[in-house]
N, C-alpha and C. Protein backbone atom coordinates (compact mmCIF):
# COMPACT_ATOMS: atom_id res chain seq x y z
N UNK A 1 0.85 -1.17 0.00
CA UNK A 1 0.00 0.00 0.00
C UNK A 1 0.90 1.23 0.00
N UNK A 2 0.54 2.24 -0.77
CA UNK A 2 1.32 3.46 -0.80
C UNK A 2 0.86 4.40 0.30
N UNK A 3 1.62 5.48 0.52
CA UNK A 3 1.22 6.43 1.55
C UNK A 3 -0.13 7.05 1.22
N UNK A 4 -0.39 7.32 -0.06
CA UNK A 4 -1.69 7.91 -0.43
C UNK A 4 -2.81 6.91 -0.17
N UNK A 5 -2.55 5.62 -0.40
CA UNK A 5 -3.55 4.61 -0.09
C UNK A 5 -3.84 4.60 1.41
N UNK A 6 -2.78 4.73 2.23
CA UNK A 6 -2.97 4.75 3.68
C UNK A 6 -3.84 5.92 4.09
N UNK A 7 -3.59 7.08 3.52
CA UNK A 7 -4.37 8.27 3.87
C UNK A 7 -5.82 8.08 3.47
N UNK A 8 -6.05 7.57 2.27
CA UNK A 8 -7.42 7.34 1.81
C UNK A 8 -8.13 6.34 2.70
N UNK A 9 -7.42 5.31 3.11
CA UNK A 9 -8.04 4.25 3.90
C UNK A 9 -8.48 4.75 5.27
N UNK A 10 -7.79 5.74 5.81
CA UNK A 10 -8.18 6.24 7.13
C UNK A 10 -9.31 7.25 7.03
N UNK A 11 -9.50 7.85 5.87
CA UNK A 11 -10.53 8.86 5.69
C UNK A 11 -11.90 8.29 5.33
N UNK A 12 -11.96 7.05 4.91
CA UNK A 12 -13.22 6.48 4.43
C UNK A 12 -13.25 5.00 4.79
N UNK A 13 -14.40 4.36 4.60
CA UNK A 13 -14.48 2.93 4.87
C UNK A 13 -13.40 2.18 4.10
N UNK A 14 -12.98 1.06 4.64
CA UNK A 14 -11.86 0.33 4.06
C UNK A 14 -12.19 -0.34 2.74
N UNK A 15 -13.42 -0.61 2.45
CA UNK A 15 -13.77 -1.26 1.19
C UNK A 15 -13.94 -2.75 1.36
N UNK A 16 -14.19 -3.40 0.25
CA UNK A 16 -14.38 -4.85 0.22
C UNK A 16 -13.16 -5.49 -0.42
N UNK A 17 -12.73 -6.61 0.14
CA UNK A 17 -11.56 -7.31 -0.38
C UNK A 17 -12.01 -8.52 -1.18
N UNK A 18 -11.55 -8.56 -2.43
CA UNK A 18 -11.88 -9.64 -3.35
C UNK A 18 -10.64 -10.47 -3.60
N UNK A 19 -10.76 -11.78 -3.43
CA UNK A 19 -9.68 -12.68 -3.80
C UNK A 19 -9.75 -12.91 -5.30
N UNK A 20 -8.61 -13.03 -5.94
CA UNK A 20 -8.59 -13.25 -7.39
C UNK A 20 -7.68 -14.40 -7.74
N UNK A 21 -8.05 -15.11 -8.78
CA UNK A 21 -7.25 -16.23 -9.22
C UNK A 21 -7.59 -16.64 -10.63
N UNK A 22 -6.90 -17.67 -11.09
CA UNK A 22 -7.14 -18.23 -12.41
C UNK A 22 -7.48 -19.70 -12.23
N UNK A 23 -8.65 -20.11 -12.73
CA UNK A 23 -9.08 -21.50 -12.67
C UNK A 23 -8.72 -22.17 -13.99
N UNK A 24 -8.11 -23.34 -13.90
CA UNK A 24 -7.65 -24.07 -15.08
C UNK A 24 -8.66 -25.16 -15.43
N UNK A 25 -9.18 -25.11 -16.66
CA UNK A 25 -10.05 -26.18 -17.15
C UNK A 25 -9.32 -26.87 -18.30
N UNK A 26 -9.92 -27.93 -18.83
CA UNK A 26 -9.30 -28.60 -19.98
C UNK A 26 -9.24 -27.67 -21.19
N UNK A 27 -10.22 -26.79 -21.31
CA UNK A 27 -10.33 -25.95 -22.51
C UNK A 27 -9.71 -24.56 -22.36
N UNK A 28 -9.70 -24.01 -21.14
CA UNK A 28 -9.23 -22.63 -21.03
C UNK A 28 -8.82 -22.27 -19.61
N UNK A 29 -8.41 -21.02 -19.47
CA UNK A 29 -8.07 -20.43 -18.17
C UNK A 29 -9.14 -19.40 -17.86
N UNK A 30 -9.75 -19.49 -16.68
CA UNK A 30 -10.86 -18.62 -16.32
C UNK A 30 -10.46 -17.71 -15.17
N UNK A 31 -10.67 -16.41 -15.34
CA UNK A 31 -10.43 -15.44 -14.28
C UNK A 31 -11.56 -15.56 -13.27
N UNK A 32 -11.23 -15.73 -11.99
CA UNK A 32 -12.26 -15.87 -10.96
C UNK A 32 -12.09 -14.80 -9.89
N UNK A 33 -13.23 -14.31 -9.40
CA UNK A 33 -13.26 -13.32 -8.34
C UNK A 33 -14.02 -13.92 -7.17
N UNK A 34 -13.38 -14.01 -6.02
CA UNK A 34 -14.03 -14.50 -4.80
C UNK A 34 -14.64 -13.29 -4.09
N UNK A 35 -15.95 -13.30 -3.97
CA UNK A 35 -16.69 -12.16 -3.42
C UNK A 35 -16.95 -12.40 -1.94
N UNK A 36 -16.66 -11.40 -1.08
CA UNK A 36 -16.91 -11.57 0.36
C UNK A 36 -18.41 -11.71 0.64
N UNK A 37 -18.73 -12.51 1.64
CA UNK A 37 -20.14 -12.73 1.98
C UNK A 37 -20.79 -11.47 2.56
N UNK A 38 -19.99 -10.60 3.14
CA UNK A 38 -20.54 -9.37 3.73
C UNK A 38 -20.24 -8.15 2.86
N UNK A 39 -20.39 -8.32 1.55
CA UNK A 39 -20.06 -7.25 0.59
C UNK A 39 -20.93 -6.02 0.84
N UNK A 40 -20.34 -4.85 0.65
CA UNK A 40 -21.03 -3.57 0.82
C UNK A 40 -22.22 -3.50 -0.13
N UNK A 41 -23.34 -2.99 0.35
CA UNK A 41 -24.54 -2.91 -0.47
C UNK A 41 -24.41 -1.87 -1.59
N UNK A 42 -23.33 -1.10 -1.58
CA UNK A 42 -23.10 -0.12 -2.63
C UNK A 42 -22.75 -0.73 -3.97
N UNK A 43 -22.36 -2.01 -3.96
CA UNK A 43 -22.08 -2.71 -5.21
C UNK A 43 -23.41 -3.17 -5.79
N UNK A 44 -23.86 -2.55 -6.87
CA UNK A 44 -25.18 -2.88 -7.41
C UNK A 44 -25.14 -3.79 -8.62
N UNK A 45 -24.00 -3.87 -9.30
CA UNK A 45 -23.90 -4.68 -10.52
C UNK A 45 -22.72 -5.64 -10.39
N UNK A 46 -23.00 -6.92 -10.10
CA UNK A 46 -21.91 -7.89 -9.90
C UNK A 46 -20.98 -8.00 -11.11
N UNK A 47 -21.52 -7.95 -12.31
CA UNK A 47 -20.67 -8.04 -13.49
C UNK A 47 -19.73 -6.85 -13.59
N UNK A 48 -20.23 -5.68 -13.23
CA UNK A 48 -19.43 -4.46 -13.31
C UNK A 48 -18.24 -4.52 -12.36
N UNK A 49 -18.46 -4.90 -11.09
CA UNK A 49 -17.32 -4.89 -10.17
C UNK A 49 -16.35 -6.02 -10.48
N UNK A 50 -16.85 -7.13 -11.03
CA UNK A 50 -15.93 -8.20 -11.40
C UNK A 50 -15.05 -7.78 -12.57
N UNK A 51 -15.62 -7.05 -13.53
CA UNK A 51 -14.81 -6.51 -14.63
C UNK A 51 -13.79 -5.50 -14.10
N UNK A 52 -14.21 -4.69 -13.14
CA UNK A 52 -13.31 -3.71 -12.53
C UNK A 52 -12.14 -4.41 -11.83
N UNK A 53 -12.44 -5.44 -11.06
CA UNK A 53 -11.39 -6.20 -10.38
C UNK A 53 -10.43 -6.79 -11.40
N UNK A 54 -10.96 -7.38 -12.46
CA UNK A 54 -10.11 -7.98 -13.49
C UNK A 54 -9.21 -6.93 -14.14
N UNK A 55 -9.77 -5.78 -14.47
CA UNK A 55 -8.98 -4.72 -15.10
C UNK A 55 -7.85 -4.26 -14.17
N UNK A 56 -8.15 -4.13 -12.88
CA UNK A 56 -7.14 -3.71 -11.91
C UNK A 56 -6.01 -4.74 -11.83
N UNK A 57 -6.37 -6.01 -11.82
CA UNK A 57 -5.35 -7.07 -11.77
C UNK A 57 -4.43 -6.97 -12.98
N UNK A 58 -5.01 -6.87 -14.18
CA UNK A 58 -4.17 -6.87 -15.39
C UNK A 58 -3.46 -5.54 -15.59
N UNK A 59 -3.87 -4.49 -14.91
CA UNK A 59 -3.10 -3.24 -14.92
C UNK A 59 -1.83 -3.40 -14.09
N UNK A 60 -1.82 -4.34 -13.16
CA UNK A 60 -0.69 -4.51 -12.25
C UNK A 60 0.18 -5.73 -12.56
N UNK A 61 -0.39 -6.74 -13.18
CA UNK A 61 0.36 -7.94 -13.55
C UNK A 61 0.41 -8.05 -15.07
N UNK A 62 1.48 -8.62 -15.59
CA UNK A 62 1.56 -8.87 -17.03
C UNK A 62 0.67 -10.06 -17.37
N UNK A 63 -0.41 -9.78 -18.06
CA UNK A 63 -1.41 -10.82 -18.34
C UNK A 63 -0.82 -12.00 -19.11
N UNK A 64 -0.13 -11.72 -20.19
CA UNK A 64 0.37 -12.80 -21.05
C UNK A 64 1.34 -13.72 -20.31
N UNK A 65 2.32 -13.15 -19.64
CA UNK A 65 3.31 -14.01 -18.96
C UNK A 65 2.68 -14.74 -17.77
N UNK A 66 1.74 -14.09 -17.08
CA UNK A 66 1.06 -14.74 -15.95
C UNK A 66 0.27 -15.95 -16.43
N UNK A 67 -0.52 -15.76 -17.47
CA UNK A 67 -1.33 -16.87 -17.99
C UNK A 67 -0.47 -17.97 -18.60
N UNK A 68 0.60 -17.59 -19.27
CA UNK A 68 1.50 -18.59 -19.85
C UNK A 68 2.13 -19.44 -18.75
N UNK A 69 2.57 -18.80 -17.67
CA UNK A 69 3.16 -19.54 -16.56
C UNK A 69 2.17 -20.48 -15.90
N UNK A 70 0.93 -20.03 -15.73
CA UNK A 70 -0.10 -20.88 -15.14
C UNK A 70 -0.40 -22.06 -16.05
N UNK A 71 -0.50 -21.81 -17.35
CA UNK A 71 -0.80 -22.88 -18.30
C UNK A 71 0.29 -23.95 -18.28
N UNK A 72 1.55 -23.54 -18.07
CA UNK A 72 2.65 -24.50 -18.04
C UNK A 72 2.73 -25.30 -16.75
N UNK A 73 2.31 -24.70 -15.63
CA UNK A 73 2.59 -25.34 -14.35
C UNK A 73 1.38 -25.89 -13.60
N UNK A 74 0.19 -25.38 -13.89
CA UNK A 74 -1.00 -25.80 -13.13
C UNK A 74 -1.69 -26.96 -13.83
N UNK A 75 -2.35 -27.78 -13.04
CA UNK A 75 -3.10 -28.91 -13.56
C UNK A 75 -4.56 -28.54 -13.77
N UNK A 76 -5.23 -29.26 -14.66
CA UNK A 76 -6.66 -29.07 -14.86
C UNK A 76 -7.38 -29.23 -13.53
N UNK A 77 -8.26 -28.29 -13.23
CA UNK A 77 -9.00 -28.31 -11.97
C UNK A 77 -8.39 -27.41 -10.90
N UNK A 78 -7.14 -27.00 -11.09
CA UNK A 78 -6.48 -26.11 -10.12
C UNK A 78 -7.03 -24.69 -10.25
N UNK A 79 -7.03 -23.98 -9.14
CA UNK A 79 -7.26 -22.54 -9.15
C UNK A 79 -6.02 -21.91 -8.53
N UNK A 80 -5.33 -21.11 -9.32
CA UNK A 80 -4.09 -20.48 -8.90
C UNK A 80 -4.42 -19.08 -8.37
N UNK A 81 -4.08 -18.84 -7.12
CA UNK A 81 -4.38 -17.56 -6.49
C UNK A 81 -3.38 -16.50 -6.95
N UNK A 82 -3.92 -15.35 -7.33
CA UNK A 82 -3.08 -14.21 -7.72
C UNK A 82 -2.96 -13.20 -6.59
N UNK A 83 -3.93 -13.18 -5.68
CA UNK A 83 -3.87 -12.26 -4.56
C UNK A 83 -5.21 -11.65 -4.23
N UNK A 84 -5.15 -10.39 -3.76
CA UNK A 84 -6.37 -9.70 -3.31
C UNK A 84 -6.40 -8.27 -3.81
N UNK A 85 -7.62 -7.79 -4.02
CA UNK A 85 -7.85 -6.40 -4.41
C UNK A 85 -8.92 -5.85 -3.46
N UNK A 86 -8.64 -4.72 -2.82
CA UNK A 86 -9.62 -4.09 -1.94
C UNK A 86 -10.11 -2.81 -2.61
N UNK A 87 -11.44 -2.74 -2.78
CA UNK A 87 -12.08 -1.62 -3.48
C UNK A 87 -13.23 -1.06 -2.67
N UNK A 88 -13.53 0.19 -2.93
CA UNK A 88 -14.76 0.80 -2.43
C UNK A 88 -15.80 0.75 -3.55
N UNK A 89 -17.08 0.81 -3.23
CA UNK A 89 -18.12 0.76 -4.26
C UNK A 89 -18.01 1.85 -5.32
N UNK A 90 -17.32 2.96 -5.02
CA UNK A 90 -17.15 4.01 -6.03
C UNK A 90 -16.01 3.70 -7.00
N UNK A 91 -15.37 2.53 -6.82
CA UNK A 91 -14.28 2.11 -7.71
C UNK A 91 -12.90 2.47 -7.22
N UNK A 92 -12.80 3.16 -6.09
CA UNK A 92 -11.50 3.54 -5.53
C UNK A 92 -10.74 2.29 -5.10
N UNK A 93 -9.50 2.17 -5.54
CA UNK A 93 -8.64 1.07 -5.13
C UNK A 93 -8.03 1.44 -3.78
N UNK A 94 -8.34 0.65 -2.75
CA UNK A 94 -7.78 0.88 -1.42
C UNK A 94 -6.41 0.23 -1.33
N UNK A 95 -6.31 -1.02 -1.79
CA UNK A 95 -5.02 -1.71 -1.78
C UNK A 95 -5.07 -2.91 -2.71
N UNK A 96 -3.89 -3.36 -3.09
CA UNK A 96 -3.77 -4.59 -3.87
C UNK A 96 -2.60 -5.38 -3.31
N UNK A 97 -2.75 -6.67 -3.29
CA UNK A 97 -1.67 -7.59 -2.96
C UNK A 97 -1.73 -8.66 -4.04
N UNK A 98 -0.91 -8.49 -5.06
CA UNK A 98 -0.96 -9.38 -6.22
C UNK A 98 0.43 -9.88 -6.56
N UNK A 99 0.49 -11.14 -6.93
CA UNK A 99 1.75 -11.75 -7.35
C UNK A 99 1.47 -12.74 -8.45
N UNK A 100 2.23 -12.63 -9.52
CA UNK A 100 2.15 -13.65 -10.56
C UNK A 100 2.82 -14.90 -10.00
N UNK A 101 2.24 -16.05 -10.22
CA UNK A 101 2.86 -17.28 -9.72
C UNK A 101 4.22 -17.49 -10.39
N UNK A 102 5.16 -18.03 -9.63
CA UNK A 102 6.46 -18.31 -10.21
C UNK A 102 6.38 -19.60 -11.01
N UNK A 103 7.14 -19.64 -12.04
CA UNK A 103 7.20 -20.82 -12.88
C UNK A 103 8.36 -21.68 -12.37
N UNK A 104 8.05 -22.64 -11.49
CA UNK A 104 9.09 -23.45 -10.84
C UNK A 104 9.95 -24.19 -11.85
N UNK A 105 9.33 -24.71 -12.89
CA UNK A 105 10.10 -25.46 -13.89
C UNK A 105 11.09 -24.54 -14.60
N UNK A 106 10.66 -23.33 -14.93
CA UNK A 106 11.54 -22.37 -15.58
C UNK A 106 12.67 -21.97 -14.64
N UNK A 107 12.35 -21.74 -13.37
CA UNK A 107 13.37 -21.38 -12.39
C UNK A 107 14.38 -22.50 -12.21
N UNK A 108 13.91 -23.76 -12.18
CA UNK A 108 14.81 -24.90 -12.06
C UNK A 108 15.75 -24.97 -13.26
N UNK A 109 15.22 -24.73 -14.45
CA UNK A 109 16.04 -24.78 -15.65
C UNK A 109 17.12 -23.71 -15.61
N UNK A 110 16.79 -22.54 -15.12
CA UNK A 110 17.78 -21.47 -15.02
C UNK A 110 18.85 -21.81 -13.98
N UNK A 111 18.45 -22.45 -12.89
CA UNK A 111 19.38 -22.82 -11.83
C UNK A 111 20.32 -23.94 -12.28
N UNK A 112 19.80 -24.89 -13.08
CA UNK A 112 20.58 -26.04 -13.50
C UNK A 112 21.62 -25.69 -14.56
N UNK A 113 21.44 -24.60 -15.28
CA UNK A 113 22.36 -24.31 -16.38
C UNK A 113 23.59 -23.55 -15.95
């Protein structure tokens, strides 16, 4: 969290925290948003905030390399966690904790050479 995020967080409600990940199926990779059970009633359109969460994630992580790494290392049926995004219903980003999964096989290959 940046200093400006800290200041914003103390001036207003903290927002809702959404877990984000990629679910692996036989056919594709699906972006998933885990919605808190006590979500703020200010969120009126579930599709809208899920698109917002997805856009925020891909603004912070490299989409292509993240998905390529997941496709190489995850098994069908796995859901790979990318982290969390905390938002207010007005779309303000309170904080993000996001990490692209490491590609263990690629790291091993680099270490072995």
